[in-house]
């Protein structure tokens, strides 16, 4: 085996589990929120708060396993600026790409934080905003880019330099990323943008920052406009 070829790790390596478990738990709770029987008398919207708290706890538990985030890999000012600019651009594009042909079905668990009188339920709003802007970007970038994109390149993903990832890995991981979103065209653009940042800088934080900016702006816009279908 050539010296620069990553060794294949055992199945379900600790590094893979640390990146997959928070994502799987989040998606499982999302499915629960979408299909919770109405007869239970539970407000399914509060499950999102549980999602955010549980996943944040899992990320904290595994934090030392995320070498790309805890070591000296913070972006410099120029890289952070590029990340913020990409995040803003993705948001601006995302809210325009909602034509029927740009959608994969409809969301199974639409989030409308309004009471019976149409007033905002601020605890729900703040939980949703915090989860979307702070927790989800870290969880998703660890799974989609740090794990899946590099794993497609080579199963020994931890040793894969993100700056050497090829087109196939970017396309395949972005395609699967798209399937997890209702607005497929917007997701394609977002996935490619975040992957480009990661590959260009070699620093996962740039993709995380861009994702955070996109989700934060989207959340504020949704609250201001009442376009709950984007949540």
Protein backbone atom coordinates (compact mmCIF):
# COMPACT_ATOMS: atom_id res chain seq x y z
CA UNK A 1 0.00 0.00 0.00
CA UNK A 2 1.43 3.43 -0.88
CA UNK A 3 2.58 5.42 2.11
CA UNK A 4 0.10 8.25 1.45
CA UNK A 5 -2.97 5.98 1.15
CA UNK A 6 -5.24 6.13 4.22
CA UNK A 7 -5.66 2.81 6.00
CA UNK A 8 -9.18 1.43 6.08
CA UNK A 9 -10.56 1.62 9.63
CA UNK A 10 -12.78 -1.05 11.17
CA UNK A 11 -16.51 -0.76 10.50
CA UNK A 12 -18.26 1.66 12.82
CA UNK A 13 -15.02 3.19 14.01
CA UNK A 14 -15.25 5.56 16.99
CA UNK A 15 -14.62 8.51 14.66
CA UNK A 16 -17.48 7.45 12.37
CA UNK A 17 -19.85 6.83 15.27
CA UNK A 18 -19.06 10.23 16.79
CA UNK A 19 -20.14 11.91 13.55
CA UNK A 20 -23.10 9.64 12.75
CA UNK A 21 -24.85 9.14 16.09
CA UNK A 22 -25.90 12.79 16.67
CA UNK A 23 -27.23 12.96 13.11
CA UNK A 24 -29.14 9.67 13.36
CA UNK A 25 -30.67 10.67 16.70
CA UNK A 26 -31.73 14.04 15.27
CA UNK A 27 -33.38 12.42 12.23
CA UNK A 28 -35.12 9.82 14.40
CA UNK A 29 -36.61 12.54 16.61
CA UNK A 30 -37.60 14.49 13.50
CA UNK A 31 -39.52 11.46 12.25
CA UNK A 32 -41.14 11.09 15.67
CA UNK A 33 -42.26 14.71 15.54
CA UNK A 34 -43.77 14.22 12.11
CA UNK A 35 -45.70 11.05 12.91
CA UNK A 36 -46.64 11.48 16.56
CA UNK A 37 -50.24 10.18 17.00
CA UNK A 38 -52.57 13.10 17.77
CA UNK A 39 -54.41 11.04 20.36
CA UNK A 40 -51.50 11.32 22.80
CA UNK A 41 -52.34 14.94 23.47
CA UNK A 42 -48.71 16.05 23.13
CA UNK A 43 -47.59 19.20 21.34
CA UNK A 44 -45.13 17.76 18.83
CA UNK A 45 -43.48 21.14 18.36
CA UNK A 46 -41.72 20.79 21.72
CA UNK A 47 -39.95 17.70 20.44
CA UNK A 48 -37.73 20.04 18.44
CA UNK A 49 -36.50 21.49 21.74
CA UNK A 50 -35.69 17.95 22.86
CA UNK A 51 -33.91 17.37 19.54
CA UNK A 52 -31.72 20.41 20.02
CA UNK A 53 -30.88 19.66 23.65
CA UNK A 54 -30.18 15.94 23.11
CA UNK A 55 -28.05 16.49 20.02
CA UNK A 56 -26.14 19.33 21.69
CA UNK A 57 -25.44 16.94 24.56
CA UNK A 58 -24.19 14.26 22.16
CA UNK A 59 -21.94 16.76 20.39
CA UNK A 60 -20.50 17.81 23.74
CA UNK A 61 -20.00 14.16 24.73
CA UNK A 62 -18.07 13.38 21.54
CA UNK A 63 -16.36 16.77 21.26
CA UNK A 64 -12.84 15.45 21.81
CA UNK A 65 -13.33 13.14 18.83
CA UNK A 66 -13.86 16.09 16.48
CA UNK A 67 -10.24 16.87 15.81
CA UNK A 68 -11.14 19.29 13.02
CA UNK A 69 -13.04 21.48 15.46
CA UNK A 70 -11.11 21.28 18.72
CA UNK A 71 -7.56 21.57 17.41
CA UNK A 72 -5.88 24.66 16.00
CA UNK A 73 -8.00 24.71 12.85
CA UNK A 74 -9.95 27.93 13.29
CA UNK A 75 -10.24 30.00 10.11
CA UNK A 76 -8.38 33.27 9.86
CA UNK A 77 -10.26 36.54 9.38
CA UNK A 78 -10.24 36.26 5.59
CA UNK A 79 -11.55 32.68 5.63
CA UNK A 80 -14.23 33.58 8.19
CA UNK A 81 -15.29 36.49 6.00
CA UNK A 82 -15.60 34.21 2.98
CA UNK A 83 -17.61 31.75 5.06
CA UNK A 84 -20.00 34.50 6.21
CA UNK A 85 -20.37 35.79 2.64
CA UNK A 86 -21.17 32.29 1.36
CA UNK A 87 -23.70 31.83 4.16
CA UNK A 88 -25.42 35.09 3.22
CA UNK A 89 -25.47 34.15 -0.47
CA UNK A 90 -26.93 30.72 0.23
CA UNK A 91 -29.69 32.28 2.34
CA UNK A 92 -30.52 34.80 -0.40
CA UNK A 93 -30.74 32.01 -2.98
CA UNK A 94 -32.57 29.54 -0.70
CA UNK A 95 -35.63 31.74 -0.14
CA UNK A 96 -36.05 32.20 -3.92
CA UNK A 97 -35.99 28.53 -4.86
CA UNK A 98 -39.39 27.36 -3.65
CA UNK A 99 -41.29 26.75 -6.90
CA UNK A 100 -43.24 23.46 -6.91
CA UNK A 101 -40.79 21.76 -9.29
CA UNK A 102 -37.95 22.66 -6.93
CA UNK A 103 -39.46 20.67 -4.06
CA UNK A 104 -39.28 17.01 -3.05
CA UNK A 105 -42.75 16.47 -1.62
CA UNK A 106 -43.60 18.42 1.51
CA UNK A 107 -42.17 18.60 5.00
CA UNK A 108 -43.42 15.84 7.31
CA UNK A 109 -43.24 18.08 10.37
CA UNK A 110 -43.90 21.75 9.54
CA UNK A 111 -42.96 24.01 12.43
CA UNK A 112 -45.46 26.79 13.13
CA UNK A 113 -44.75 28.39 16.55
CA UNK A 114 -48.11 30.14 16.90
CA UNK A 115 -50.79 29.79 19.55
CA UNK A 116 -54.51 29.45 18.87
CA UNK A 117 -54.80 33.24 18.52
CA UNK A 118 -51.98 33.45 16.00
CA UNK A 119 -49.43 34.90 18.41
CA UNK A 120 -45.82 33.80 18.51
CA UNK A 121 -44.88 31.32 21.24
CA UNK A 122 -41.49 32.83 21.98
CA UNK A 123 -39.99 29.89 23.89
CA UNK A 124 -40.69 27.71 20.84
CA UNK A 125 -39.32 30.37 18.50
CA UNK A 126 -36.10 30.76 20.48
CA UNK A 127 -35.60 26.99 20.79
CA UNK A 128 -36.07 26.56 17.06
CA UNK A 129 -33.75 29.44 16.21
CA UNK A 130 -31.02 28.28 18.61
CA UNK A 131 -31.25 24.70 17.37
CA UNK A 132 -31.19 25.67 13.72
CA UNK A 133 -28.42 28.26 13.98
CA UNK A 134 -26.12 26.70 16.59
CA UNK A 135 -26.68 22.94 16.87
CA UNK A 136 -27.73 21.78 13.41
CA UNK A 137 -24.82 23.36 11.46
CA UNK A 138 -22.23 21.62 13.66
CA UNK A 139 -24.08 18.30 13.57
CA UNK A 140 -24.70 18.37 9.82
CA UNK A 141 -21.23 19.52 8.75
CA UNK A 142 -19.65 16.81 10.90
CA UNK A 143 -21.85 14.22 9.21
CA UNK A 144 -22.20 15.43 5.60
CA UNK A 145 -18.79 16.96 5.00
CA UNK A 146 -16.35 15.72 7.67
CA UNK A 147 -17.61 12.13 7.52
CA UNK A 148 -19.61 11.31 4.39
CA UNK A 149 -17.77 13.40 1.81
CA UNK A 150 -14.37 12.14 2.96
CA UNK A 151 -15.66 8.57 3.45
CA UNK A 152 -16.81 8.46 -0.18
CA UNK A 153 -13.28 9.49 -1.09
CA UNK A 154 -11.85 6.69 1.07
CA UNK A 155 -13.25 4.67 4.02
CA UNK A 156 -10.25 5.78 6.07
CA UNK A 157 -11.87 9.20 6.09
CA UNK A 158 -10.04 10.63 9.11
CA UNK A 159 -6.79 10.58 7.18
CA UNK A 160 -8.27 12.13 4.05
CA UNK A 161 -7.15 15.72 3.57
CA UNK A 162 -10.34 17.62 2.62
CA UNK A 163 -8.33 19.64 0.12
CA UNK A 164 -7.69 16.45 -1.86
CA UNK A 165 -11.32 15.30 -2.05
CA UNK A 166 -12.38 14.63 -5.63
CA UNK A 167 -15.45 15.54 -7.65
CA UNK A 168 -17.14 12.16 -7.12
CA UNK A 169 -17.09 12.50 -3.32
CA UNK A 170 -18.45 16.05 -3.50
CA UNK A 171 -21.26 15.10 -5.92
CA UNK A 172 -22.30 11.91 -4.10
CA UNK A 173 -22.34 13.51 -0.64
CA UNK A 174 -24.21 16.55 -1.96
CA UNK A 175 -26.77 14.33 -3.70
CA UNK A 176 -27.51 12.46 -0.46
CA UNK A 177 -27.57 15.77 1.43
CA UNK A 178 -30.19 16.98 -1.05
CA UNK A 179 -32.46 13.98 -0.37
CA UNK A 180 -32.73 15.09 3.27
CA UNK A 181 -34.24 18.46 2.29
CA UNK A 182 -37.59 19.40 0.80
CA UNK A 183 -36.18 22.21 -1.36
CA UNK A 184 -33.88 20.07 -3.46
CA UNK A 185 -32.43 22.74 -5.75
CA UNK A 186 -31.65 25.05 -2.86
CA UNK A 187 -30.06 22.11 -1.03
CA UNK A 188 -27.86 21.31 -4.04
CA UNK A 189 -26.52 24.85 -4.07
CA UNK A 190 -26.04 24.92 -0.29
CA UNK A 191 -24.35 21.52 -0.22
CA UNK A 192 -21.94 22.44 -3.01
CA UNK A 193 -21.18 25.81 -1.41
CA UNK A 194 -20.35 24.31 1.99
CA UNK A 195 -18.34 21.52 0.38
CA UNK A 196 -16.40 24.08 -1.65
CA UNK A 197 -15.51 26.03 1.48
CA UNK A 198 -14.34 22.90 3.26
CA UNK A 199 -12.25 21.76 0.31
CA UNK A 200 -10.90 25.22 -0.44
CA UNK A 201 -9.73 25.99 3.10
CA UNK A 202 -9.27 22.50 4.53
CA UNK A 203 -11.07 23.76 7.65
CA UNK A 204 -14.46 22.41 8.67
CA UNK A 205 -15.18 25.56 10.66
CA UNK A 206 -15.62 27.53 7.43
CA UNK A 207 -18.48 25.25 6.36
CA UNK A 208 -19.94 25.37 9.88
CA UNK A 209 -19.83 29.17 9.98
CA UNK A 210 -21.45 29.49 6.56
CA UNK A 211 -24.16 27.02 7.56
CA UNK A 212 -24.74 28.92 10.82
CA UNK A 213 -25.10 32.23 8.97
CA UNK A 214 -27.54 30.73 6.45
CA UNK A 215 -29.72 29.14 9.13
CA UNK A 216 -29.67 32.19 11.41
CA UNK A 217 -30.69 34.54 8.60
CA UNK A 218 -33.33 32.10 7.40
CA UNK A 219 -34.76 31.83 10.91
CA UNK A 220 -34.96 35.61 11.39
CA UNK A 221 -36.52 35.97 7.94
CA UNK A 222 -39.12 33.26 8.64
CA UNK A 223 -40.09 34.91 11.94
CA UNK A 224 -40.34 38.35 10.29
CA UNK A 225 -42.36 37.17 7.27
CA UNK A 226 -44.36 34.28 8.71
CA UNK A 227 -43.18 32.00 5.88
CA UNK A 228 -43.31 28.95 8.16
CA UNK A 229 -43.03 26.53 5.25
CA UNK A 230 -39.31 27.32 5.19
CA UNK A 231 -39.03 25.98 8.75
